[in-house]
Amino acid sequence: TSEQLVITTKTPFKVLSSAVVGAGVQWARYFVNRHVPKQYTSSDPEAEMKQYLRERSFDVQQTIGMMTAVHVEDASIVYEKSLDVSLCAVVTAGVGNAVDVTKAWQQNASSSVGTINTMIFIDGMLTDAAFVQAVMTATEAKAKALSDEGVVDPATNTTATGTSTDCIAVAASQTGREYAYAGSATALGKAIGRAVYEATIRALRNYEKRKGEQR
């Protein structure tokens, strides 16, 4: 809906995330990317988000909750399915607070909720190393997409590597095929890189298209 993008799984997935609700490692069945106004402020975003989820009958203990000022209808979903890997990447992207992380120390941090939110759902069993490597691989793919789309940090006029408030969640069914690693040399890593890159590109273009229509 215009208010939220919700993905549910039949059984709980093991998740490593930086989400507002459900950060760290936990098991979850509900994945919520919530649209909030650009001027959103809260002294305790986690508590406010939990209240939002409860009011909509989500089990907070099994929910990963993200926020974005981007229109969630502009999300991009990319599937990768082969004999080796089955996964899905879901991305919402806005670059109003794009930043070059290597130059970030030169400027004040933004508290905007512009965000590039990335969710990756993997059919398989990941080791702890694979979870961490999946985050690393996805981040590299996101940065490459921003570079190829010519997104720059307006404060430094250098290529942006992300936004100041990006969020990621890697979720795995923890059943079926086992993946010990998820770096770029592995089948899983290659699929993550391809899916996240393509989803980020599409989401960025959806964002730019909407901006153009609103002018």
N, C-alpha and C. Protein backbone atom coordinates (compact mmCIF):
# COMPACT_ATOMS: atom_id res chain seq x y z
N THR A 1 0.85 -1.18 0.00
CA THR A 1 0.00 0.00 0.00
C THR A 1 0.89 1.24 0.00
N SER A 2 0.26 2.41 -0.02
CA SER A 2 1.06 3.64 0.03
C SER A 2 1.73 3.80 1.39
N GLU A 3 1.21 3.09 2.40
CA GLU A 3 1.72 3.22 3.77
C GLU A 3 2.86 2.25 4.07
N GLN A 4 2.80 1.05 3.49
CA GLN A 4 3.80 0.06 3.87
C GLN A 4 3.93 -1.02 2.80
N LEU A 5 5.14 -1.57 2.74
CA LEU A 5 5.44 -2.75 1.92
C LEU A 5 5.66 -3.89 2.90
N VAL A 6 4.88 -4.95 2.80
CA VAL A 6 4.96 -6.05 3.75
C VAL A 6 5.23 -7.36 3.00
N ILE A 7 6.22 -8.09 3.46
CA ILE A 7 6.51 -9.42 2.95
C ILE A 7 6.42 -10.38 4.12
N THR A 8 5.69 -11.48 3.92
CA THR A 8 5.57 -12.48 4.98
C THR A 8 6.11 -13.82 4.47
N THR A 9 6.60 -14.63 5.40
CA THR A 9 7.08 -15.97 5.06
C THR A 9 6.25 -16.99 5.82
N LYS A 10 6.05 -18.16 5.23
CA LYS A 10 5.22 -19.19 5.86
C LYS A 10 5.84 -19.68 7.16
N THR A 11 7.16 -19.77 7.18
CA THR A 11 7.88 -20.18 8.38
C THR A 11 8.91 -19.10 8.71
N PRO A 12 9.36 -19.01 9.95
CA PRO A 12 10.34 -17.98 10.31
C PRO A 12 11.66 -18.16 9.55
N PHE A 13 12.23 -17.03 9.12
CA PHE A 13 13.55 -16.99 8.50
C PHE A 13 14.54 -16.43 9.52
N LYS A 14 15.77 -16.91 9.47
CA LYS A 14 16.83 -16.33 10.30
C LYS A 14 17.31 -15.06 9.60
N VAL A 15 17.42 -13.97 10.36
CA VAL A 15 17.69 -12.67 9.75
C VAL A 15 18.85 -11.96 10.45
N LEU A 16 19.71 -11.38 9.65
CA LEU A 16 20.73 -10.44 10.13
C LEU A 16 20.36 -9.09 9.54
N SER A 17 20.10 -8.11 10.41
CA SER A 17 19.63 -6.82 9.89
C SER A 17 20.10 -5.64 10.72
N SER A 18 19.99 -4.47 10.09
CA SER A 18 20.24 -3.20 10.78
C SER A 18 18.94 -2.42 10.92
N ALA A 19 17.81 -3.12 10.90
CA ALA A 19 16.49 -2.49 10.90
C ALA A 19 16.20 -1.75 12.21
N VAL A 20 15.25 -0.84 12.14
CA VAL A 20 14.83 -0.09 13.33
C VAL A 20 14.28 -1.06 14.38
N VAL A 21 13.47 -2.01 13.92
CA VAL A 21 12.95 -3.06 14.79
C VAL A 21 13.49 -4.40 14.29
N GLY A 22 14.07 -5.18 15.19
CA GLY A 22 14.61 -6.48 14.80
C GLY A 22 16.08 -6.45 14.43
N ALA A 23 16.79 -5.42 14.84
CA ALA A 23 18.21 -5.31 14.51
C ALA A 23 19.01 -6.43 15.13
N GLY A 24 20.12 -6.78 14.46
CA GLY A 24 20.95 -7.87 14.93
C GLY A 24 20.52 -9.18 14.29
N VAL A 25 20.57 -10.25 15.06
CA VAL A 25 20.19 -11.58 14.55
C VAL A 25 18.92 -12.02 15.26
N GLN A 26 17.92 -12.40 14.48
CA GLN A 26 16.70 -12.94 15.07
C GLN A 26 15.94 -13.74 14.00
N TRP A 27 14.89 -14.41 14.44
CA TRP A 27 14.01 -15.14 13.52
C TRP A 27 12.77 -14.30 13.30
N ALA A 28 12.31 -14.21 12.05
CA ALA A 28 11.18 -13.35 11.74
C ALA A 28 10.33 -13.92 10.60
N ARG A 29 9.05 -13.57 10.63
CA ARG A 29 8.12 -13.96 9.56
C ARG A 29 7.55 -12.76 8.84
N TYR A 30 7.69 -11.58 9.45
CA TYR A 30 7.10 -10.37 8.87
C TYR A 30 8.19 -9.35 8.60
N PHE A 31 8.17 -8.80 7.39
CA PHE A 31 9.19 -7.84 6.97
C PHE A 31 8.45 -6.60 6.47
N VAL A 32 8.58 -5.51 7.23
CA VAL A 32 7.79 -4.31 6.98
C VAL A 32 8.71 -3.13 6.63
N ASN A 33 8.46 -2.55 5.47
CA ASN A 33 9.15 -1.32 5.07
C ASN A 33 8.09 -0.23 5.07
N ARG A 34 8.15 0.64 6.04
CA ARG A 34 7.10 1.62 6.29
C ARG A 34 7.46 2.99 5.72
N HIS A 35 6.49 3.58 5.03
CA HIS A 35 6.69 4.94 4.52
C HIS A 35 6.40 5.95 5.62
N VAL A 36 7.32 6.89 5.82
CA VAL A 36 7.11 7.98 6.77
C VAL A 36 7.41 9.31 6.06
N PRO A 37 6.86 10.41 6.55
CA PRO A 37 7.14 11.71 5.92
C PRO A 37 8.61 12.07 6.02
N LYS A 38 9.07 12.90 5.11
CA LYS A 38 10.47 13.33 5.13
C LYS A 38 10.81 14.06 6.42
N GLN A 39 9.82 14.71 7.00
CA GLN A 39 10.06 15.48 8.23
C GLN A 39 9.86 14.64 9.49
N TYR A 40 9.77 13.31 9.33
CA TYR A 40 9.56 12.42 10.48
C TYR A 40 10.66 12.62 11.53
N THR A 41 10.24 12.78 12.77
CA THR A 41 11.18 12.85 13.89
C THR A 41 10.57 12.12 15.07
N SER A 42 11.41 11.48 15.86
CA SER A 42 10.95 10.80 17.07
C SER A 42 12.14 10.69 18.01
N SER A 43 11.87 10.88 19.29
CA SER A 43 12.94 10.74 20.29
C SER A 43 13.31 9.27 20.48
N ASP A 44 12.40 8.37 20.09
CA ASP A 44 12.65 6.93 20.22
C ASP A 44 12.01 6.21 19.04
N PRO A 45 12.67 6.22 17.88
CA PRO A 45 12.08 5.61 16.67
C PRO A 45 11.73 4.13 16.86
N GLU A 46 12.54 3.39 17.61
CA GLU A 46 12.26 1.97 17.79
C GLU A 46 10.95 1.76 18.54
N ALA A 47 10.74 2.50 19.62
CA ALA A 47 9.50 2.37 20.39
C ALA A 47 8.30 2.81 19.56
N GLU A 48 8.47 3.88 18.81
CA GLU A 48 7.37 4.38 17.97
C GLU A 48 7.03 3.38 16.89
N MET A 49 8.05 2.74 16.29
CA MET A 49 7.82 1.75 15.24
C MET A 49 7.15 0.50 15.82
N LYS A 50 7.56 0.09 16.99
CA LYS A 50 6.92 -1.07 17.63
C LYS A 50 5.44 -0.81 17.88
N GLN A 51 5.12 0.40 18.32
CA GLN A 51 3.72 0.76 18.55
C GLN A 51 2.94 0.73 17.24
N TYR A 52 3.55 1.24 16.18
CA TYR A 52 2.94 1.21 14.84
C TYR A 52 2.63 -0.22 14.43
N LEU A 53 3.58 -1.12 14.66
CA LEU A 53 3.40 -2.52 14.27
C LEU A 53 2.30 -3.19 15.10
N ARG A 54 2.29 -2.93 16.40
CA ARG A 54 1.27 -3.53 17.26
C ARG A 54 -0.13 -3.08 16.84
N GLU A 55 -0.26 -1.81 16.50
CA GLU A 55 -1.56 -1.28 16.08
C GLU A 55 -2.06 -1.94 14.81
N ARG A 56 -1.15 -2.53 14.05
CA ARG A 56 -1.51 -3.22 12.80
C ARG A 56 -1.41 -4.73 12.93
N SER A 57 -1.39 -5.20 14.17
CA SER A 57 -1.50 -6.62 14.51
C SER A 57 -0.30 -7.46 14.07
N PHE A 58 0.88 -6.84 13.96
CA PHE A 58 2.10 -7.60 13.71
C PHE A 58 2.65 -8.12 15.03
N ASP A 59 3.19 -9.32 15.02
CA ASP A 59 3.91 -9.86 16.17
C ASP A 59 5.31 -9.22 16.16
N VAL A 60 5.52 -8.27 17.04
CA VAL A 60 6.77 -7.50 17.05
C VAL A 60 7.98 -8.40 17.22
N GLN A 61 7.83 -9.48 17.97
CA GLN A 61 8.95 -10.39 18.21
C GLN A 61 9.36 -11.15 16.95
N GLN A 62 8.49 -11.16 15.95
CA GLN A 62 8.81 -11.86 14.71
C GLN A 62 8.77 -10.91 13.51
N THR A 63 9.07 -9.63 13.76
CA THR A 63 8.98 -8.63 12.70
C THR A 63 10.28 -7.87 12.53
N ILE A 64 10.67 -7.68 11.27
CA ILE A 64 11.76 -6.78 10.91
C ILE A 64 11.10 -5.51 10.39
N GLY A 65 11.36 -4.38 11.03
CA GLY A 65 10.69 -3.13 10.67
C GLY A 65 11.68 -2.06 10.22
N MET A 66 11.48 -1.56 9.01
CA MET A 66 12.29 -0.47 8.45
C MET A 66 11.41 0.74 8.17
N MET A 67 12.04 1.90 8.04
CA MET A 67 11.35 3.12 7.66
C MET A 67 12.01 3.74 6.44
N THR A 68 11.21 4.41 5.63
CA THR A 68 11.75 5.14 4.50
C THR A 68 10.85 6.30 4.14
N ALA A 69 11.44 7.39 3.64
CA ALA A 69 10.65 8.50 3.13
C ALA A 69 10.31 8.30 1.66
N VAL A 70 10.86 7.25 1.07
CA VAL A 70 10.59 6.93 -0.33
C VAL A 70 9.19 6.33 -0.45
N HIS A 71 8.54 6.54 -1.57
CA HIS A 71 7.25 5.90 -1.83
C HIS A 71 7.48 4.40 -2.00
N VAL A 72 6.88 3.60 -1.12
CA VAL A 72 7.17 2.17 -1.16
C VAL A 72 6.57 1.49 -2.38
N GLU A 73 5.63 2.16 -3.05
CA GLU A 73 5.11 1.59 -4.31
C GLU A 73 6.19 1.53 -5.38
N ASP A 74 7.25 2.31 -5.20
CA ASP A 74 8.34 2.34 -6.19
C ASP A 74 9.41 1.30 -5.91
N ALA A 75 9.12 0.37 -5.02
CA ALA A 75 10.07 -0.70 -4.71
C ALA A 75 10.35 -1.54 -5.94
N SER A 76 11.55 -2.08 -5.98
CA SER A 76 11.94 -2.99 -7.07
C SER A 76 12.20 -4.36 -6.47
N ILE A 77 11.70 -5.40 -7.15
CA ILE A 77 11.87 -6.78 -6.69
C ILE A 77 12.52 -7.58 -7.81
N VAL A 78 13.64 -8.22 -7.49
CA VAL A 78 14.38 -9.01 -8.48
C VAL A 78 14.59 -10.42 -7.93
N TYR A 79 14.26 -11.40 -8.75
CA TYR A 79 14.44 -12.80 -8.38
C TYR A 79 15.64 -13.38 -9.10
N GLU A 80 16.36 -14.25 -8.40
CA GLU A 80 17.45 -15.01 -9.00
C GLU A 80 17.20 -16.49 -8.68
N LYS A 81 16.99 -17.28 -9.73
CA LYS A 81 16.72 -18.70 -9.50
C LYS A 81 17.51 -19.53 -10.51
N SER A 82 18.29 -20.47 -10.00
CA SER A 82 19.07 -21.37 -10.83
C SER A 82 19.19 -22.70 -10.11
N LEU A 83 19.97 -23.60 -10.66
CA LEU A 83 20.19 -24.88 -9.99
C LEU A 83 20.94 -24.70 -8.67
N ASP A 84 21.72 -23.61 -8.58
CA ASP A 84 22.56 -23.39 -7.40
C ASP A 84 21.94 -22.49 -6.34
N VAL A 85 21.09 -21.55 -6.77
CA VAL A 85 20.62 -20.51 -5.84
C VAL A 85 19.18 -20.12 -6.15
N SER A 86 18.43 -19.82 -5.09
CA SER A 86 17.10 -19.22 -5.24
C SER A 86 16.98 -18.10 -4.21
N LEU A 87 16.82 -16.89 -4.70
CA LEU A 87 16.73 -15.74 -3.79
C LEU A 87 15.91 -14.61 -4.40
N CYS A 88 15.61 -13.64 -3.57
CA CYS A 88 14.83 -12.48 -3.98
C CYS A 88 15.40 -11.25 -3.29
N ALA A 89 15.59 -10.17 -4.05
CA ALA A 89 16.05 -8.89 -3.48
C ALA A 89 14.95 -7.85 -3.64
N VAL A 90 14.66 -7.13 -2.56
CA VAL A 90 13.64 -6.08 -2.57
C VAL A 90 14.30 -4.78 -2.12
N VAL A 91 14.20 -3.75 -2.96
CA VAL A 91 14.90 -2.49 -2.67
C VAL A 91 13.97 -1.30 -2.86
N THR A 92 13.99 -0.39 -1.89
CA THR A 92 13.43 0.95 -2.08
C THR A 92 14.60 1.92 -1.99
N ALA A 93 14.60 2.92 -2.85
CA ALA A 93 15.77 3.80 -2.92
C ALA A 93 15.37 5.25 -3.10
N GLY A 94 15.97 6.09 -2.28
CA GLY A 94 15.89 7.53 -2.43
C GLY A 94 17.26 8.09 -2.11
N VAL A 95 17.70 9.08 -2.84
CA VAL A 95 19.07 9.56 -2.65
C VAL A 95 19.12 11.05 -2.29
N GLY A 96 18.07 11.52 -1.63
CA GLY A 96 18.07 12.92 -1.21
C GLY A 96 19.18 13.22 -0.22
N ASN A 97 19.64 12.22 0.51
CA ASN A 97 20.74 12.41 1.46
C ASN A 97 21.91 11.49 1.09
N ALA A 98 22.20 11.43 -0.22
CA ALA A 98 23.31 10.61 -0.71
C ALA A 98 24.62 11.10 -0.10
N VAL A 99 25.50 10.13 0.20
CA VAL A 99 26.76 10.49 0.85
C VAL A 99 27.90 9.60 0.34
N ASP A 100 29.05 10.19 0.24
CA ASP A 100 30.29 9.46 -0.03
C ASP A 100 30.90 9.15 1.33
N VAL A 101 30.86 7.89 1.74
CA VAL A 101 31.26 7.54 3.10
C VAL A 101 32.73 7.89 3.37
N THR A 102 33.55 7.92 2.33
CA THR A 102 34.97 8.24 2.54
C THR A 102 35.18 9.72 2.83
N LYS A 103 34.14 10.53 2.57
CA LYS A 103 34.22 11.97 2.85
C LYS A 103 33.29 12.40 3.97
N ALA A 104 32.57 11.44 4.54
CA ALA A 104 31.52 11.77 5.51
C ALA A 104 32.06 12.51 6.73
N TRP A 105 33.33 12.26 7.08
CA TRP A 105 33.90 12.91 8.27
C TRP A 105 34.01 14.42 8.08
N GLN A 106 33.89 14.88 6.83
CA GLN A 106 34.04 16.31 6.55
C GLN A 106 32.75 17.09 6.76
N GLN A 107 31.64 16.38 6.99
CA GLN A 107 30.36 17.07 7.06
C GLN A 107 29.53 16.55 8.22
N ASN A 108 28.49 17.31 8.57
CA ASN A 108 27.60 16.89 9.65
C ASN A 108 26.71 15.76 9.16
N ALA A 109 26.45 14.78 10.04
CA ALA A 109 25.60 13.65 9.68
C ALA A 109 24.16 14.11 9.47
N SER A 110 23.50 13.52 8.51
CA SER A 110 22.10 13.82 8.25
C SER A 110 21.21 12.91 9.07
N SER A 111 20.08 13.44 9.53
CA SER A 111 19.12 12.61 10.26
C SER A 111 17.92 12.28 9.38
N SER A 112 18.04 12.51 8.10
CA SER A 112 16.95 12.25 7.16
C SER A 112 16.63 10.77 7.11
N VAL A 113 15.41 10.46 6.62
CA VAL A 113 15.03 9.07 6.44
C VAL A 113 14.88 8.76 4.94
N GLY A 114 15.78 9.30 4.15
CA GLY A 114 15.73 9.09 2.71
C GLY A 114 15.94 7.65 2.34
N THR A 115 16.99 7.08 2.80
CA THR A 115 17.33 5.66 2.81
C THR A 115 17.25 4.85 1.53
N ILE A 116 18.22 3.96 1.42
CA ILE A 116 18.12 2.82 0.52
C ILE A 116 17.92 1.61 1.43
N ASN A 117 16.74 1.04 1.37
CA ASN A 117 16.42 -0.13 2.18
C ASN A 117 16.49 -1.39 1.32
N THR A 118 17.27 -2.36 1.75
CA THR A 118 17.49 -3.59 1.00
C THR A 118 17.11 -4.79 1.83
N MET A 119 16.27 -5.64 1.26
CA MET A 119 15.92 -6.92 1.89
C MET A 119 16.29 -8.04 0.92
N ILE A 120 16.95 -9.07 1.43
CA ILE A 120 17.35 -10.20 0.61
C ILE A 120 16.82 -11.47 1.26
N PHE A 121 16.06 -12.26 0.50
CA PHE A 121 15.48 -13.50 1.00
C PHE A 121 16.12 -14.67 0.28
N ILE A 122 16.71 -15.57 1.03
CA ILE A 122 17.49 -16.67 0.45
C ILE A 122 16.88 -18.01 0.87
N ASP A 123 16.65 -18.87 -0.11
CA ASP A 123 16.18 -20.22 0.16
C ASP A 123 17.41 -21.09 0.40
N GLY A 124 17.76 -21.29 1.66
CA GLY A 124 18.95 -22.07 1.96
C GLY A 124 19.41 -21.86 3.39
N MET A 125 20.43 -22.60 3.77
CA MET A 125 20.98 -22.55 5.11
C MET A 125 22.33 -21.83 5.08
N LEU A 126 22.42 -20.68 5.75
CA LEU A 126 23.63 -19.87 5.76
C LEU A 126 24.39 -20.04 7.07
N THR A 127 25.70 -20.12 6.97
CA THR A 127 26.54 -20.05 8.16
C THR A 127 26.63 -18.60 8.61
N ASP A 128 27.18 -18.39 9.81
CA ASP A 128 27.37 -17.02 10.28
C ASP A 128 28.25 -16.24 9.31
N ALA A 129 29.29 -16.89 8.80
CA ALA A 129 30.19 -16.23 7.85
C ALA A 129 29.44 -15.82 6.60
N ALA A 130 28.54 -16.69 6.12
CA ALA A 130 27.79 -16.39 4.90
C ALA A 130 26.85 -15.21 5.11
N PHE A 131 26.26 -15.10 6.30
CA PHE A 131 25.39 -13.95 6.57
C PHE A 131 26.18 -12.64 6.46
N VAL A 132 27.35 -12.62 7.10
CA VAL A 132 28.17 -11.40 7.08
C VAL A 132 28.65 -11.10 5.66
N GLN A 133 29.07 -12.13 4.95
CA GLN A 133 29.54 -11.93 3.59
C GLN A 133 28.40 -11.48 2.66
N ALA A 134 27.18 -11.94 2.92
CA ALA A 134 26.04 -11.52 2.13
C ALA A 134 25.80 -10.01 2.28
N VAL A 135 25.93 -9.52 3.51
CA VAL A 135 25.81 -8.07 3.74
C VAL A 135 26.90 -7.31 2.98
N MET A 136 28.11 -7.82 3.05
CA MET A 136 29.24 -7.20 2.37
C MET A 136 29.02 -7.18 0.85
N THR A 137 28.62 -8.30 0.30
CA THR A 137 28.41 -8.42 -1.14
C THR A 137 27.29 -7.49 -1.59
N ALA A 138 26.20 -7.45 -0.83
CA ALA A 138 25.07 -6.59 -1.18
C ALA A 138 25.46 -5.11 -1.13
N THR A 139 26.27 -4.75 -0.15
CA THR A 139 26.72 -3.36 -0.02
C THR A 139 27.60 -2.95 -1.20
N GLU A 140 28.46 -3.86 -1.62
CA GLU A 140 29.30 -3.59 -2.80
C GLU A 140 28.44 -3.39 -4.04
N ALA A 141 27.41 -4.22 -4.18
CA ALA A 141 26.53 -4.11 -5.34
C ALA A 141 25.75 -2.80 -5.32
N LYS A 142 25.28 -2.40 -4.14
CA LYS A 142 24.56 -1.14 -4.00
C LYS A 142 25.46 0.04 -4.39
N ALA A 143 26.70 0.03 -3.89
CA ALA A 143 27.63 1.12 -4.20
C ALA A 143 27.92 1.19 -5.70
N LYS A 144 28.05 0.02 -6.34
CA LYS A 144 28.30 0.00 -7.78
C LYS A 144 27.10 0.54 -8.55
N ALA A 145 25.89 0.22 -8.10
CA ALA A 145 24.69 0.74 -8.76
C ALA A 145 24.64 2.27 -8.67
N LEU A 146 24.96 2.80 -7.50
CA LEU A 146 24.97 4.26 -7.33
C LEU A 146 26.00 4.90 -8.24
N SER A 147 27.16 4.27 -8.35
CA SER A 147 28.21 4.78 -9.22
C SER A 147 27.76 4.78 -10.67
N ASP A 148 27.19 3.66 -11.11
CA ASP A 148 26.77 3.54 -12.51
C ASP A 148 25.62 4.48 -12.86
N GLU A 149 24.82 4.83 -11.85
CA GLU A 149 23.71 5.75 -12.08
C GLU A 149 24.13 7.22 -11.91
N GLY A 150 25.39 7.43 -11.58
CA GLY A 150 25.92 8.79 -11.47
C GLY A 150 25.44 9.56 -10.26
N VAL A 151 25.10 8.85 -9.18
CA VAL A 151 24.64 9.53 -7.97
C VAL A 151 25.84 10.11 -7.22
N VAL A 152 25.76 11.38 -6.85
CA VAL A 152 26.88 12.03 -6.17
C VAL A 152 26.45 12.58 -4.82
N ASP A 153 27.42 12.70 -3.95
CA ASP A 153 27.25 13.36 -2.66
C ASP A 153 27.24 14.86 -2.94
N PRO A 154 26.11 15.55 -2.72
CA PRO A 154 26.04 16.98 -3.07
C PRO A 154 27.00 17.86 -2.28
N ALA A 155 27.43 17.39 -1.10
CA ALA A 155 28.33 18.19 -0.27
C ALA A 155 29.77 18.15 -0.77
N THR A 156 30.13 17.04 -1.44
CA THR A 156 31.53 16.88 -1.87
C THR A 156 31.67 16.75 -3.39
N ASN A 157 30.52 16.55 -4.07
CA ASN A 157 30.51 16.35 -5.52
C ASN A 157 31.33 15.14 -5.94
N THR A 158 31.39 14.14 -5.07
CA THR A 158 32.06 12.88 -5.38
C THR A 158 31.01 11.77 -5.44
N THR A 159 31.38 10.64 -6.02
CA THR A 159 30.45 9.53 -6.18
C THR A 159 29.93 9.05 -4.83
N ALA A 160 28.62 8.96 -4.72
CA ALA A 160 28.00 8.50 -3.47
C ALA A 160 28.16 6.99 -3.32
N THR A 161 28.31 6.55 -2.09
CA THR A 161 28.40 5.12 -1.80
C THR A 161 27.11 4.59 -1.17
N GLY A 162 26.23 5.50 -0.78
CA GLY A 162 24.96 5.13 -0.17
C GLY A 162 24.28 6.39 0.32
N THR A 163 23.36 6.25 1.27
CA THR A 163 22.80 7.42 1.94
C THR A 163 23.19 7.32 3.41
N SER A 164 22.91 8.36 4.15
CA SER A 164 23.34 8.39 5.55
C SER A 164 22.47 7.51 6.44
N THR A 165 21.40 6.96 5.89
CA THR A 165 20.48 6.18 6.73
C THR A 165 20.06 4.87 6.05
N ASP A 166 20.97 4.23 5.33
CA ASP A 166 20.65 2.97 4.66
C ASP A 166 20.36 1.86 5.66
N CYS A 167 19.59 0.87 5.20
CA CYS A 167 19.23 -0.26 6.06
C CYS A 167 19.25 -1.53 5.23
N ILE A 168 19.62 -2.64 5.86
CA ILE A 168 19.69 -3.92 5.15
C ILE A 168 19.20 -5.05 6.04
N ALA A 169 18.60 -6.05 5.40
CA ALA A 169 18.22 -7.29 6.08
C ALA A 169 18.51 -8.46 5.15
N VAL A 170 19.25 -9.44 5.66
CA VAL A 170 19.50 -10.68 4.94
C VAL A 170 18.75 -11.78 5.68
N ALA A 171 17.80 -12.43 4.99
CA ALA A 171 16.95 -13.45 5.61
C ALA A 171 17.15 -14.78 4.89
N ALA A 172 17.30 -15.85 5.65
CA ALA A 172 17.50 -17.17 5.07
C ALA A 172 16.54 -18.16 5.70
N SER A 173 16.01 -19.06 4.88
CA SER A 173 15.05 -20.05 5.36
C SER A 173 15.68 -21.03 6.34
N GLN A 174 17.01 -21.19 6.26
CA GLN A 174 17.77 -22.15 7.09
C GLN A 174 17.27 -23.58 6.89
N THR A 175 16.83 -23.86 5.68
CA THR A 175 16.47 -25.21 5.28
C THR A 175 17.08 -25.47 3.91
N GLY A 176 17.22 -26.74 3.57
CA GLY A 176 17.72 -27.09 2.24
C GLY A 176 19.22 -26.93 2.10
N ARG A 177 19.64 -26.42 0.97
CA ARG A 177 21.06 -26.34 0.63
C ARG A 177 21.82 -25.45 1.61
N GLU A 178 23.02 -25.88 1.99
CA GLU A 178 23.84 -25.09 2.91
C GLU A 178 24.86 -24.26 2.12
N TYR A 179 24.99 -23.01 2.54
CA TYR A 179 25.97 -22.09 1.93
C TYR A 179 26.95 -21.66 3.01
N ALA A 180 28.19 -22.09 2.86
CA ALA A 180 29.22 -21.75 3.85
C ALA A 180 29.69 -20.31 3.68
N TYR A 181 29.63 -19.82 2.42
CA TYR A 181 30.14 -18.48 2.12
C TYR A 181 29.22 -17.77 1.14
N ALA A 182 29.34 -16.43 1.10
CA ALA A 182 28.51 -15.64 0.19
C ALA A 182 29.32 -14.50 -0.44
N GLY A 183 30.62 -14.70 -0.57
CA GLY A 183 31.47 -13.71 -1.22
C GLY A 183 31.30 -13.76 -2.73
N SER A 184 31.96 -12.87 -3.42
CA SER A 184 31.77 -12.73 -4.87
C SER A 184 32.28 -13.91 -5.68
N ALA A 185 33.06 -14.81 -5.07
CA ALA A 185 33.56 -15.98 -5.79
C ALA A 185 32.57 -17.14 -5.76
N THR A 186 31.52 -17.02 -4.94
CA THR A 186 30.56 -18.12 -4.78
C THR A 186 29.32 -17.91 -5.63
N ALA A 187 28.59 -18.99 -5.87
CA ALA A 187 27.34 -18.89 -6.63
C ALA A 187 26.33 -18.00 -5.90
N LEU A 188 26.26 -18.14 -4.57
CA LEU A 188 25.33 -17.31 -3.80
C LEU A 188 25.73 -15.84 -3.88
N GLY A 189 27.01 -15.55 -3.70
CA GLY A 189 27.48 -14.17 -3.76
C GLY A 189 27.23 -13.53 -5.12
N LYS A 190 27.46 -14.30 -6.18
CA LYS A 190 27.22 -13.78 -7.53
C LYS A 190 25.74 -13.45 -7.73
N ALA A 191 24.87 -14.31 -7.21
CA ALA A 191 23.43 -14.07 -7.35
C ALA A 191 22.99 -12.86 -6.52
N ILE A 192 23.54 -12.72 -5.31
CA ILE A 192 23.22 -11.55 -4.48
C ILE A 192 23.68 -10.28 -5.18
N GLY A 193 24.89 -10.29 -5.68
CA GLY A 193 25.42 -9.11 -6.36
C GLY A 193 24.58 -8.70 -7.55
N ARG A 194 24.19 -9.67 -8.35
CA ARG A 194 23.40 -9.39 -9.55
C ARG A 194 22.02 -8.87 -9.18
N ALA A 195 21.36 -9.53 -8.21
CA ALA A 195 20.01 -9.16 -7.83
C ALA A 195 19.95 -7.79 -7.16
N VAL A 196 20.87 -7.55 -6.22
CA VAL A 196 20.87 -6.27 -5.50
C VAL A 196 21.23 -5.13 -6.45
N TYR A 197 22.19 -5.36 -7.32
CA TYR A 197 22.56 -4.33 -8.30
C TYR A 197 21.36 -3.97 -9.17
N GLU A 198 20.71 -4.97 -9.73
CA GLU A 198 19.58 -4.73 -10.64
C GLU A 198 18.41 -4.08 -9.90
N ALA A 199 18.12 -4.57 -8.69
CA ALA A 199 17.01 -4.00 -7.92
C ALA A 199 17.29 -2.56 -7.52
N THR A 200 18.53 -2.26 -7.17
CA THR A 200 18.89 -0.88 -6.78
C THR A 200 18.79 0.05 -7.98
N ILE A 201 19.29 -0.39 -9.12
CA ILE A 201 19.19 0.42 -10.34
C ILE A 201 17.73 0.75 -10.65
N ARG A 202 16.88 -0.27 -10.62
CA ARG A 202 15.46 -0.06 -10.95
C ARG A 202 14.79 0.86 -9.94
N ALA A 203 15.10 0.66 -8.64
CA ALA A 203 14.50 1.49 -7.60
C ALA A 203 14.94 2.95 -7.73
N LEU A 204 16.22 3.16 -8.05
CA LEU A 204 16.71 4.52 -8.26
C LEU A 204 16.00 5.19 -9.44
N ARG A 205 15.77 4.44 -10.49
CA ARG A 205 15.10 5.00 -11.66
C ARG A 205 13.63 5.29 -11.37
N ASN A 206 12.99 4.44 -10.57
CA ASN A 206 11.62 4.70 -10.15
C ASN A 206 11.55 5.99 -9.33
N TYR A 207 12.54 6.16 -8.46
CA TYR A 207 12.63 7.37 -7.62
C TYR A 207 12.79 8.62 -8.48
N GLU A 208 13.70 8.55 -9.45
CA GLU A 208 13.94 9.70 -10.32
C GLU A 208 12.72 9.99 -11.19
N LYS A 209 12.04 8.94 -11.63
CA LYS A 209 10.84 9.14 -12.45
C LYS A 209 9.76 9.86 -11.66
N ARG A 210 9.57 9.46 -10.41
CA ARG A 210 8.56 10.12 -9.58
C ARG A 210 8.93 11.57 -9.32
N LYS A 211 10.22 11.82 -9.05
CA LYS A 211 10.66 13.20 -8.85
C LYS A 211 10.35 14.06 -10.08
N GLY A 212 10.61 13.49 -11.26
CA GLY A 212 10.33 14.22 -12.50
C GLY A 212 8.86 14.51 -12.68
N GLU A 213 8.00 13.56 -12.29
CA GLU A 213 6.57 13.75 -12.43
C GLU A 213 6.03 14.79 -11.45
N GLN A 214 6.72 14.95 -10.32
CA GLN A 214 6.26 15.89 -9.29
C GLN A 214 6.71 17.31 -9.55
N ARG A 215 7.66 17.49 -10.50
CA ARG A 215 8.15 18.83 -10.78
C ARG A 215 7.08 19.65 -11.50
